[in-house]
Protein backbone atom coordinates (compact mmCIF):
# COMPACT_ATOMS: atom_id res chain seq x y z
CA MET A 1 84.00 111.70 109.50
CA ASP A 2 87.56 111.31 110.71
CA ARG A 3 88.61 108.10 108.93
CA ALA A 4 91.84 107.81 110.93
CA LYS A 5 89.86 107.84 114.19
CA PHE A 6 87.36 105.37 112.76
CA PHE A 7 89.98 102.82 111.72
CA ALA A 8 92.01 103.21 114.91
CA ALA A 9 88.94 102.56 117.04
CA VAL A 10 87.44 99.78 114.96
CA ARG A 11 90.80 98.00 114.79
CA SER A 12 90.85 97.53 118.55
CA SER A 13 87.13 97.16 119.30
CA LEU A 14 86.11 94.72 116.57
CA PHE A 15 89.16 93.34 114.76
CA GLY A 16 91.41 92.20 117.58
CA GLY A 17 94.03 94.90 117.12
CA ALA A 18 94.88 94.35 113.44
CA LEU A 19 93.31 95.12 110.08
CA THR A 20 94.17 93.70 106.67
CA GLN A 21 94.24 95.95 103.63
CA ASN A 22 91.17 94.16 102.28
CA GLN A 23 89.26 94.92 105.47
CA VAL A 24 90.27 98.59 105.24
CA ASN A 25 89.31 98.70 101.57
CA GLY A 26 85.93 97.09 102.21
CA MET A 27 85.00 99.43 105.03
CA SER A 28 86.29 102.43 103.09
CA SER A 29 83.95 101.49 100.22
CA MET A 30 81.04 101.27 102.66
CA LEU A 31 81.85 104.65 104.19
CA ASP A 32 82.23 106.18 100.72
CA ALA A 33 78.85 104.78 99.64
CA TRP A 34 77.23 106.08 102.82
CA GLN A 35 78.64 109.58 102.42
CA ALA A 36 77.64 109.66 98.74
CA GLY A 37 74.06 108.65 99.52
CA ASN A 38 71.12 110.29 101.25
CA MET A 39 70.88 108.21 104.43
CA THR A 40 71.55 110.15 107.63
CA ASP A 41 70.93 107.86 110.60
CA LEU A 42 74.31 106.50 111.73
CA ARG A 43 72.56 103.54 113.31
CA TRP A 44 71.68 102.36 109.78
CA LEU A 45 75.33 102.49 108.77
CA ALA A 46 76.38 100.75 111.99
CA TYR A 47 73.92 97.93 111.37
CA MET A 48 75.01 97.51 107.75
CA LEU A 49 78.66 97.39 108.79
CA ALA A 50 77.78 94.81 111.43
CA THR A 51 75.83 92.75 108.92
CA ALA A 52 78.77 92.73 106.52
CA PHE A 53 81.12 91.92 109.42
CA HIS A 54 79.00 88.86 110.25
CA GLU A 55 78.02 87.72 106.76
CA THR A 56 81.57 87.93 105.34
CA ALA A 57 83.26 86.31 108.34
CA GLN A 58 84.90 89.66 109.16
CA THR A 59 86.67 89.90 105.78
CA MET A 60 84.58 92.96 104.80
CA GLN A 61 84.75 91.74 101.21
CA PRO A 62 82.02 90.20 99.04
CA VAL A 63 82.08 86.42 99.55
CA ARG A 64 80.46 83.31 98.14
CA GLU A 65 78.30 81.16 100.35
CA THR A 66 80.58 78.75 102.32
CA ARG A 67 83.45 81.26 101.69
CA ALA A 68 84.60 79.11 98.76
CA ALA A 69 87.00 80.49 96.17
CA THR A 70 84.88 79.37 93.20
CA ASP A 71 81.24 78.60 92.46
CA GLU A 72 82.15 74.98 91.79
CA GLN A 73 83.72 74.60 95.22
CA ALA A 74 80.76 76.27 96.92
CA ILE A 75 78.28 74.01 95.12
CA ALA A 76 80.23 70.91 96.16
CA ILE A 77 80.37 72.04 99.81
CA LEU A 78 76.66 72.83 99.85
CA ASP A 79 75.80 69.51 98.21
CA ARG A 80 77.76 67.61 100.86
CA SER A 81 76.08 69.53 103.68
CA PHE A 82 72.65 68.98 102.13
CA ALA A 83 73.28 65.24 101.76
CA LYS A 84 74.29 65.01 105.42
CA GLY A 85 71.07 66.72 106.50
CA SER A 86 72.92 69.76 107.81
CA LEU A 87 70.73 72.20 105.87
CA ARG A 88 67.35 71.15 107.22
CA TRP A 89 65.76 74.51 106.47
CA VAL A 90 66.50 74.12 102.73
CA LYS A 91 63.67 72.51 100.75
CA THR A 92 65.15 72.98 97.29
CA PRO A 93 68.93 73.06 96.69
CA TYR A 94 68.96 76.52 95.09
CA TRP A 95 72.72 76.44 94.52
CA ARG A 96 72.65 73.66 91.93
CA ILE A 97 73.19 74.75 88.34
CA GLY A 98 69.84 74.79 86.56
CA ALA A 99 68.71 74.59 82.96
CA ASP A 100 69.88 78.17 82.47
CA GLY A 101 73.42 77.14 83.37
CA LYS A 102 73.54 79.38 86.44
CA SER A 103 73.84 78.87 90.19
CA TRP A 104 71.86 81.05 92.58
CA LEU A 105 74.09 80.43 95.60
CA GLY A 106 74.77 83.19 98.09
CA ARG A 107 77.06 86.00 96.97
CA GLY A 108 78.01 89.46 98.17
CA TYR A 109 78.28 91.37 101.43
CA VAL A 110 74.81 90.03 102.20
CA GLN A 111 74.25 86.52 100.93
CA LEU A 112 71.93 86.99 97.97
CA THR A 113 70.31 83.63 97.14
CA HIS A 114 67.59 82.31 94.80
CA LYS A 115 66.90 83.53 91.26
CA SER A 116 63.87 85.55 92.36
CA ASN A 117 66.03 87.59 94.75
CA TYR A 118 68.73 88.15 92.13
CA SER A 119 65.97 89.44 89.84
CA LYS A 120 64.37 91.68 92.50
CA LEU A 121 67.62 93.23 93.71
CA GLY A 122 69.01 93.52 90.19
CA ASN A 123 65.92 95.45 89.09
CA ALA A 124 66.18 97.69 92.15
CA ILE A 125 69.80 98.68 91.46
CA GLY A 126 69.61 98.68 87.65
CA VAL A 127 71.92 95.71 87.05
CA ASP A 128 70.91 92.49 85.26
CA LEU A 129 71.93 90.00 87.93
CA VAL A 130 69.85 87.26 86.33
CA ALA A 131 71.92 87.41 83.16
CA ASN A 132 75.13 87.44 85.19
CA PRO A 133 74.68 86.48 88.87
CA THR A 134 78.43 86.55 89.53
CA LEU A 135 78.25 90.36 89.30
CA ALA A 136 76.93 90.19 92.87
CA MET A 137 80.55 89.51 93.88
CA ARG A 138 81.73 92.86 92.48
CA ASP A 139 82.35 95.34 95.28
CA ASP A 140 80.32 98.25 93.89
CA ILE A 141 77.36 96.02 93.05
CA ALA A 142 77.51 94.12 96.35
CA LEU A 143 77.37 97.48 98.14
CA LYS A 144 74.32 98.58 96.16
CA VAL A 145 72.60 95.27 96.92
CA MET A 146 73.26 95.65 100.65
CA PHE A 147 72.38 99.35 100.94
CA THR A 148 69.28 99.14 98.75
CA GLY A 149 68.08 95.80 100.05
CA MET A 150 68.39 96.74 103.72
CA SER A 151 66.97 100.25 103.37
CA GLU A 152 64.03 99.25 101.16
CA GLY A 153 63.22 95.90 102.76
CA LEU A 154 63.90 93.83 99.65
CA PHE A 155 65.31 90.77 101.41
CA THR A 156 62.55 89.84 103.85
CA GLY A 157 60.18 92.80 103.83
CA ALA A 158 61.76 94.22 106.99
CA LYS A 159 63.88 97.35 106.54
CA LEU A 160 66.18 99.59 108.54
CA ALA A 161 63.51 102.23 109.15
CA HIS A 162 61.38 99.64 110.95
CA PHE A 163 64.02 99.29 113.66
CA PHE A 164 65.91 102.58 113.75
CA VAL A 165 63.80 105.73 113.67
CA GLY A 166 63.63 108.64 116.09
CA ALA A 167 64.29 107.37 119.61
CA LYS A 168 63.64 103.77 118.58
CA ALA A 169 66.68 101.50 118.25
CA ASP A 170 65.88 97.79 118.07
CA TRP A 171 69.34 96.33 117.55
CA LEU A 172 68.16 92.77 118.22
CA GLY A 173 65.04 92.84 116.10
CA ALA A 174 66.87 94.33 113.12
CA ARG A 175 68.26 90.90 112.26
CA LEU A 176 64.84 90.26 110.69
CA ILE A 177 66.02 92.42 107.78
CA ILE A 178 68.34 89.62 106.69
CA ASN A 179 67.85 86.30 108.40
CA GLY A 180 65.21 86.03 111.07
CA LYS A 181 66.77 85.54 114.48
CA GLU A 182 69.94 83.74 113.39
CA ARG A 183 72.86 85.12 115.45
CA ALA A 184 70.73 88.20 116.17
CA ALA A 185 72.40 88.93 119.52
CA ASP A 186 75.89 88.70 118.02
CA VAL A 187 75.04 91.04 115.14
CA ALA A 188 73.39 93.44 117.58
CA ASP A 189 76.58 93.55 119.65
CA TYR A 190 78.69 94.16 116.54
CA ALA A 191 76.34 96.94 115.45
CA LYS A 192 76.47 98.72 118.80
CA ALA A 193 80.26 98.53 118.71
CA PHE A 194 80.32 100.02 115.20
CA GLN A 195 77.89 102.71 116.36
CA ALA A 196 80.22 103.72 119.19
CA VAL A 197 83.11 103.93 116.74
CA LEU A 198 81.11 106.00 114.26
CA LEU A 199 79.99 108.45 116.94
CA GLY A 200 83.56 108.82 118.15
CA ALA A 201 84.79 109.55 114.64
CA ALA A 202 81.93 111.87 113.62
């Protein structure tokens, strides 16, 4: 892949004409992980880039839920939203620090939440995320969580191969891999834009 072509194209098509060094670094890490792995369908990479683009608010860096700088700030923001009734889909406030002294708020390129998911993804990538959930903010680990979780269906049961295989390309339905139908059309548009860039730089 011609990285210079990739960044020139993605800068104009998805990032409004300018890229920060952190955005370049994040996408470079994703491209490195892709090229070091055994996945071959560029649509998978495009959809993962689009997911990170959406979930990280275009920073292309691992983030905490609410984009807060610290766990304490994120917990406070989530508590306020929960008290206002803004998180109607949440039955149990999973972000609150429990008896184990840990918070299971969202972290990473893909927002990993709930202790059970930290355990499942940690086991899948060989990292004890239950002992230290903040490791999900580390770039290399956040990448493994995203790549493994999306390719193996560890977030919702849906996986990349369900939506992108052979001639099949269900850009809209693929949002089920992460979060049902939430912003599915937006993420589909981002993914198709990333796909065009990847094909142009191949």
